C-alpha atoms as a PDB file:
ATOM      1  CA  PRO A   1      71.743 107.004 106.027  1.00  0.00           C
ATOM      2  CA  THR A   2      75.426 107.742 107.270  1.00  0.00           C
ATOM      3  CA  SER A   3      77.728 110.242 105.436  1.00  0.00           C
ATOM      4  CA  ALA A   4      81.103 108.536 104.489  1.00  0.00           C
ATOM      5  CA  ALA A   5      83.851 110.285 106.226  1.00  0.00           C
ATOM      6  CA  PRO A   6      86.395 112.172 103.902  1.00  0.00           C
ATOM      7  CA  PRO A   7      89.600 110.105 103.429  1.00  0.00           C
ATOM      8  CA  PRO A   8      92.496 111.096 105.806  1.00  0.00           C
ATOM      9  CA  ALA A   9      94.918 113.405 104.376  1.00  0.00           C
ATOM     10  CA  VAL A  10      98.213 112.017 102.898  1.00  0.00           C
ATOM     11  CA  ASP A  11     101.654 113.444 103.519  1.00  0.00           C
ATOM     12  CA  THR A  12     103.068 113.304 100.145  1.00  0.00           C
ATOM     13  CA  ARG A  13     106.411 115.296 100.896  1.00  0.00           C
ATOM     14  CA  GLY A  14     108.647 112.427 101.015  1.00  0.00           C
ATOM     15  CA  ALA A  15     107.233 111.276  97.635  1.00  0.00           C
ATOM     16  CA  GLU A  16     107.633 114.629  96.042  1.00  0.00           C
ATOM     17  CA  LEU A  17     111.245 114.772  97.054  1.00  0.00           C
ATOM     18  CA  GLU A  18     111.567 111.158  95.559  1.00  0.00           C
ATOM     19  CA  LEU A  19     109.875 111.988  92.281  1.00  0.00           C
ATOM     20  CA  VAL A  20     112.067 115.031  91.627  1.00  0.00           C
ATOM     21  CA  ARG A  21     115.220 113.433  92.302  1.00  0.00           C
ATOM     22  CA  LEU A  22     114.375 110.372  89.942  1.00  0.00           C
ATOM     23  CA  LEU A  23     113.594 112.911  87.293  1.00  0.00           C
ATOM     24  CA  ALA A  24     116.810 114.516  87.884  1.00  0.00           C
ATOM     25  CA  LEU A  25     118.848 111.236  87.510  1.00  0.00           C
ATOM     26  CA  LEU A  26     116.950 109.892  84.766  1.00  0.00           C
ATOM     27  CA  CYS A  27     117.394 112.970  82.844  1.00  0.00           C
ATOM     28  CA  PHE A  28     121.069 113.083  83.121  1.00  0.00           C
ATOM     29  CA  ARG A  29     122.326 113.212  79.637  1.00  0.00           C
ATOM     30  CA  ARG A  30     119.651 111.190  77.961  1.00  0.00           C
ATOM     31  CA  HIS A  31     117.925 113.467  75.398  1.00  0.00           C
ATOM     32  CA  ALA A  32     114.953 111.279  74.956  1.00  0.00           C
ATOM     33  CA  CYS A  33     113.940 111.498  78.695  1.00  0.00           C
ATOM     34  CA  GLN A  34     114.733 115.417  78.645  1.00  0.00           C
ATOM     35  CA  LYS A  35     112.471 115.791  75.663  1.00  0.00           C
ATOM     36  CA  LEU A  36     109.692 113.503  76.980  1.00  0.00           C
ATOM     37  CA  ALA A  37     109.833 115.241  80.513  1.00  0.00           C
ATOM     38  CA  GLY A  38     109.532 118.709  78.794  1.00  0.00           C
ATOM     39  CA  GLU A  39     106.503 117.406  76.819  1.00  0.00           C
ATOM     40  CA  VAL A  40     104.416 116.208  79.613  1.00  0.00           C
ATOM     41  CA  GLY A  41     104.957 118.691  82.014  1.00  0.00           C
ATOM     42  CA  GLY A  42     108.076 117.616  84.194  1.00  0.00           C
ATOM     43  CA  LEU A  43     110.029 120.776  83.449  1.00  0.00           C
ATOM     44  CA  ALA A  44     107.354 123.035  84.816  1.00  0.00           C
ATOM     45  CA  ALA A  45     106.675 120.789  87.987  1.00  0.00           C
ATOM     46  CA  VAL A  46     110.535 120.759  88.535  1.00  0.00           C
ATOM     47  CA  LEU A  47     110.785 124.683  88.020  1.00  0.00           C
ATOM     48  CA  GLN A  48     107.957 124.985  90.320  1.00  0.00           C
ATOM     49  CA  ARG A  49     109.828 123.235  93.231  1.00  0.00           C
ATOM     50  CA  CYS A  50     112.905 125.586  92.881  1.00  0.00           C
ATOM     51  CA  LYS A  51     111.489 127.719  95.512  1.00  0.00           C
ATOM     52  CA  LEU A  52     112.771 127.023  99.409  1.00  0.00           C
ATOM     53  CA  ASP A  53     110.412 124.942 101.327  1.00  0.00           C
ATOM     54  CA  GLU A  54     111.429 124.905 105.085  1.00  0.00           C
ATOM     55  CA  ARG A  55     109.556 121.482 105.489  1.00  0.00           C
ATOM     56  CA  GLN A  56     111.714 119.907 102.704  1.00  0.00           C
ATOM     57  CA  PRO A  57     114.590 122.000 102.005  1.00  0.00           C
ATOM     58  CA  PHE A  58     116.203 119.323  99.883  1.00  0.00           C
ATOM     59  CA  VAL A  59     113.455 119.109  97.107  1.00  0.00           C
ATOM     60  CA  ARG A  60     114.606 122.433  95.914  1.00  0.00           C
ATOM     61  CA  GLU A  61     118.543 121.215  95.962  1.00  0.00           C
ATOM     62  CA  TRP A  62     117.182 118.304  93.688  1.00  0.00           C
ATOM     63  CA  ALA A  63     115.248 120.647  91.599  1.00  0.00           C
ATOM     64  CA  LEU A  64     117.803 122.772  90.657  1.00  0.00           C
ATOM     65  CA  LEU A  65     119.890 119.670  89.583  1.00  0.00           C
ATOM     66  CA  ALA A  66     116.873 118.368  87.699  1.00  0.00           C
ATOM     67  CA  VAL A  67     116.646 121.740  85.946  1.00  0.00           C
ATOM     68  CA  ARG A  68     120.374 121.103  84.954  1.00  0.00           C
ATOM     69  CA  ASN A  69     119.973 117.688  83.633  1.00  0.00           C
ATOM     70  CA  LEU A  70     116.637 118.565  81.910  1.00  0.00           C
ATOM     71  CA  THR A  71     118.324 121.498  79.822  1.00  0.00           C
ATOM     72  CA  GLU A  72     121.899 120.239  79.252  1.00  0.00           C
ATOM     73  CA  GLY A  73     122.201 120.032  75.621  1.00  0.00           C
ATOM     74  CA  CYS A  74     118.371 120.116  75.188  1.00  0.00           C
ATOM     75  CA  ALA A  75     117.321 122.929  72.892  1.00  0.00           C
ATOM     76  CA  GLU A  76     113.603 122.457  73.426  1.00  0.00           C
ATOM     77  CA  ASN A  77     113.927 122.675  77.133  1.00  0.00           C
ATOM     78  CA  GLN A  78     116.325 125.736  77.075  1.00  0.00           C
ATOM     79  CA  ALA A  79     113.800 127.369  74.637  1.00  0.00           C
ATOM     80  CA  THR A  80     110.974 126.695  77.044  1.00  0.00           C
ATOM     81  CA  ILE A  81     112.837 128.248  79.822  1.00  0.00           C
ATOM     82  CA  ALA A  82     113.980 131.115  77.805  1.00  0.00           C
ATOM     83  CA  GLY A  83     110.229 131.802  76.738  1.00  0.00           C
ATOM     84  CA  LEU A  84     109.060 132.284  80.394  1.00  0.00           C
ATOM     85  CA  LYS A  85     108.108 135.467  81.829  1.00  0.00           C
ATOM     86  CA  GLN A  86     108.720 136.570  85.418  1.00  0.00           C
ATOM     87  CA  LEU A  87     105.354 137.567  86.977  1.00  0.00           C
ATOM     88  CA  SER A  88     106.566 139.057  90.178  1.00  0.00           C
ATOM     89  CA  THR A  89     110.045 139.912  91.950  1.00  0.00           C
ATOM     90  CA  PRO A  90     110.283 138.399  95.299  1.00  0.00           C
ATOM     91  CA  THR A  91     110.740 140.751  98.326  1.00  0.00           C
ATOM     92  CA  LEU A  92     113.100 140.085 101.031  1.00  0.00           C
ATOM     93  CA  ARG A  93     111.599 141.131 104.286  1.00  0.00           C
ATOM     94  CA  VAL A  94     114.027 141.854 106.877  1.00  0.00           C
ATOM     95  CA  PRO A  95     112.726 141.797 110.575  1.00  0.00           C
ATOM     96  CA  PRO A  96     113.261 145.288 112.393  1.00  0.00           C
ATOM     97  CA  GLY A  97     116.611 145.397 114.118  1.00  0.00           C
ATOM     98  CA  GLU A  98     118.293 142.743 111.819  1.00  0.00           C
ATOM     99  CA  GLY A  99     118.937 144.988 108.909  1.00  0.00           C
END
């Protein structure tokens, strides 16, 4: 009996960017899309991508636009964000001699 090799890893970075971009564009001034995205976890997924990822820096930029488009005129998504609690404060580490 031979064991099956695990499937190769798939690079999803390009797909992630395109999905965030698509959500940002679909939710532009469309309340039904904004509300649905909030209900199915799209807002949370976008918020998780608002940090800089050096491997794909444009995801953050599209995520910020998506947050704007998800919340503009959508009280439900605005309330969701208002109800979030900050878990920690990021610390900026400056290398010695640069600060």
